[in-house]
């Protein structure tokens, strides 16, 4: 399995972090910010369109 990471940004508190795209949930799955707890689909946390593509590819 190839390592792939995606940068995430919380739309509510603007916390930045990266996640292993191989173990991330589906982009439509409910996801919670580890800092403020804001819950949204994972796709809304993708920092850039490229990060979203990486999440969707794996």
N, C-alpha and C. Protein backbone atom coordinates (compact mmCIF):
# COMPACT_ATOMS: atom_id res chain seq x y z
N UNK A 1 0.84 -1.18 0.00
CA UNK A 1 0.00 0.00 0.00
C UNK A 1 0.89 1.24 0.00
N UNK A 2 0.58 2.17 -0.86
CA UNK A 2 1.35 3.41 -0.99
C UNK A 2 0.92 4.42 0.08
N UNK A 3 1.89 5.10 0.68
CA UNK A 3 1.56 6.12 1.67
C UNK A 3 1.06 7.36 0.96
N UNK A 4 -0.03 7.91 1.46
CA UNK A 4 -0.59 9.14 0.90
C UNK A 4 -1.19 9.93 2.05
N UNK A 5 -0.88 11.19 2.08
CA UNK A 5 -1.39 12.05 3.14
C UNK A 5 -2.16 13.20 2.53
N UNK A 6 -3.18 13.64 3.26
CA UNK A 6 -3.98 14.78 2.83
C UNK A 6 -3.99 15.80 3.96
N UNK A 7 -3.90 17.06 3.60
CA UNK A 7 -4.00 18.12 4.59
C UNK A 7 -5.47 18.46 4.82
N UNK A 8 -5.81 18.64 6.08
CA UNK A 8 -7.18 18.98 6.45
C UNK A 8 -7.19 20.31 7.20
N UNK A 9 -8.28 21.03 7.07
CA UNK A 9 -8.49 22.28 7.79
C UNK A 9 -9.92 22.31 8.28
N UNK A 10 -10.11 22.57 9.55
CA UNK A 10 -11.46 22.65 10.10
C UNK A 10 -12.12 23.94 9.63
N UNK A 11 -13.31 23.85 9.03
CA UNK A 11 -14.00 25.07 8.58
C UNK A 11 -14.46 25.95 9.74
N UNK A 12 -14.59 25.39 10.94
CA UNK A 12 -15.08 26.16 12.08
C UNK A 12 -13.95 26.86 12.84
N UNK A 13 -12.91 26.10 13.23
CA UNK A 13 -11.85 26.69 14.06
C UNK A 13 -10.54 26.92 13.30
N UNK A 14 -10.47 26.46 12.05
CA UNK A 14 -9.32 26.64 11.16
C UNK A 14 -8.06 25.89 11.61
N UNK A 15 -8.21 24.86 12.46
CA UNK A 15 -7.07 24.01 12.83
C UNK A 15 -6.61 23.27 11.58
N UNK A 16 -5.28 23.18 11.40
CA UNK A 16 -4.67 22.48 10.26
C UNK A 16 -3.99 21.21 10.78
N UNK A 17 -4.13 20.11 10.04
CA UNK A 17 -3.41 18.89 10.34
C UNK A 17 -3.40 18.03 9.10
N UNK A 18 -2.69 16.91 9.14
CA UNK A 18 -2.71 16.00 8.01
C UNK A 18 -3.12 14.62 8.49
N UNK A 19 -3.69 13.86 7.57
CA UNK A 19 -4.15 12.53 7.88
C UNK A 19 -3.68 11.54 6.83
N UNK A 20 -3.53 10.31 7.23
CA UNK A 20 -3.18 9.23 6.30
C UNK A 20 -4.42 8.95 5.45
N UNK A 21 -4.34 9.20 4.17
CA UNK A 21 -5.50 9.03 3.29
C UNK A 21 -5.91 7.57 3.18
N UNK A 22 -4.99 6.64 3.44
CA UNK A 22 -5.31 5.22 3.37
C UNK A 22 -6.24 4.78 4.49
N UNK A 23 -6.21 5.46 5.60
CA UNK A 23 -7.03 5.07 6.75
C UNK A 23 -8.16 6.07 7.03
N UNK A 24 -8.25 7.11 6.24
CA UNK A 24 -9.30 8.12 6.43
C UNK A 24 -10.67 7.54 6.05
N UNK A 25 -11.73 8.01 6.69
CA UNK A 25 -13.06 7.54 6.31
C UNK A 25 -13.44 8.05 4.92
N UNK A 26 -14.54 7.56 4.40
CA UNK A 26 -15.06 8.00 3.11
C UNK A 26 -15.30 9.51 3.15
N UNK A 27 -15.13 10.19 2.03
CA UNK A 27 -15.27 11.65 2.01
C UNK A 27 -16.68 12.12 2.35
N UNK A 28 -17.68 11.26 2.20
CA UNK A 28 -19.06 11.62 2.57
C UNK A 28 -19.38 11.28 4.01
N UNK A 29 -18.48 10.58 4.69
CA UNK A 29 -18.72 10.15 6.07
C UNK A 29 -18.63 11.34 7.02
N UNK A 30 -19.42 11.28 8.08
CA UNK A 30 -19.40 12.30 9.12
C UNK A 30 -18.04 12.25 9.81
N UNK A 31 -17.43 13.41 10.00
CA UNK A 31 -16.08 13.51 10.56
C UNK A 31 -16.07 14.63 11.59
N UNK A 32 -15.33 14.47 12.67
CA UNK A 32 -15.26 15.49 13.72
C UNK A 32 -13.85 16.06 13.83
N UNK A 33 -13.76 17.36 13.95
CA UNK A 33 -12.48 18.03 14.18
C UNK A 33 -11.93 17.57 15.53
N UNK A 34 -10.66 17.16 15.59
CA UNK A 34 -10.09 16.72 16.86
C UNK A 34 -9.88 17.86 17.85
N UNK A 35 -9.97 19.09 17.39
CA UNK A 35 -9.74 20.24 18.25
C UNK A 35 -11.04 20.80 18.83
N UNK A 36 -12.01 21.12 17.95
CA UNK A 36 -13.24 21.77 18.43
C UNK A 36 -14.47 20.86 18.39
N UNK A 37 -14.36 19.71 17.72
CA UNK A 37 -15.49 18.78 17.67
C UNK A 37 -16.51 19.06 16.58
N UNK A 38 -16.28 20.07 15.74
CA UNK A 38 -17.19 20.38 14.64
C UNK A 38 -17.38 19.13 13.77
N UNK A 39 -18.64 18.78 13.47
CA UNK A 39 -18.93 17.58 12.69
C UNK A 39 -19.49 17.98 11.33
N UNK A 40 -18.83 17.46 10.28
CA UNK A 40 -19.22 17.69 8.89
C UNK A 40 -18.72 16.52 8.07
N UNK A 41 -19.13 16.42 6.80
CA UNK A 41 -18.53 15.39 5.94
C UNK A 41 -17.03 15.65 5.80
N UNK A 42 -16.26 14.59 5.73
CA UNK A 42 -14.80 14.73 5.62
C UNK A 42 -14.40 15.61 4.44
N UNK A 43 -15.14 15.57 3.35
CA UNK A 43 -14.80 16.37 2.17
C UNK A 43 -14.73 17.87 2.49
N UNK A 44 -15.48 18.33 3.47
CA UNK A 44 -15.47 19.75 3.83
C UNK A 44 -14.21 20.14 4.61
N UNK A 45 -13.44 19.16 5.07
CA UNK A 45 -12.20 19.43 5.79
C UNK A 45 -10.98 19.46 4.88
N UNK A 46 -11.11 19.01 3.64
CA UNK A 46 -9.97 18.98 2.72
C UNK A 46 -9.43 20.40 2.53
N UNK A 47 -8.13 20.56 2.69
CA UNK A 47 -7.51 21.88 2.63
C UNK A 47 -7.52 22.44 1.20
N UNK A 48 -7.24 21.60 0.22
CA UNK A 48 -7.23 22.03 -1.18
C UNK A 48 -8.00 21.01 -2.02
N UNK A 49 -8.24 21.35 -3.27
CA UNK A 49 -8.92 20.41 -4.16
C UNK A 49 -8.03 19.19 -4.40
N UNK A 50 -6.73 19.35 -4.38
CA UNK A 50 -5.83 18.20 -4.54
C UNK A 50 -5.93 17.26 -3.35
N UNK A 51 -6.03 17.81 -2.15
CA UNK A 51 -6.21 16.98 -0.96
C UNK A 51 -7.52 16.17 -1.05
N UNK A 52 -8.55 16.79 -1.57
CA UNK A 52 -9.82 16.11 -1.75
C UNK A 52 -9.67 14.97 -2.76
N UNK A 53 -8.94 15.22 -3.84
CA UNK A 53 -8.70 14.17 -4.85
C UNK A 53 -7.96 12.98 -4.22
N UNK A 54 -6.95 13.26 -3.41
CA UNK A 54 -6.19 12.20 -2.75
C UNK A 54 -7.11 11.37 -1.86
N UNK A 55 -7.97 12.03 -1.11
CA UNK A 55 -8.90 11.31 -0.24
C UNK A 55 -9.87 10.45 -1.03
N UNK A 56 -10.32 10.95 -2.15
CA UNK A 56 -11.29 10.20 -2.96
C UNK A 56 -10.66 9.03 -3.71
N UNK A 57 -9.38 9.14 -4.07
CA UNK A 57 -8.70 8.10 -4.83
C UNK A 57 -8.43 6.86 -4.03
N UNK A 58 -8.28 6.99 -2.72
CA UNK A 58 -7.89 5.83 -1.88
C UNK A 58 -9.05 5.28 -1.09
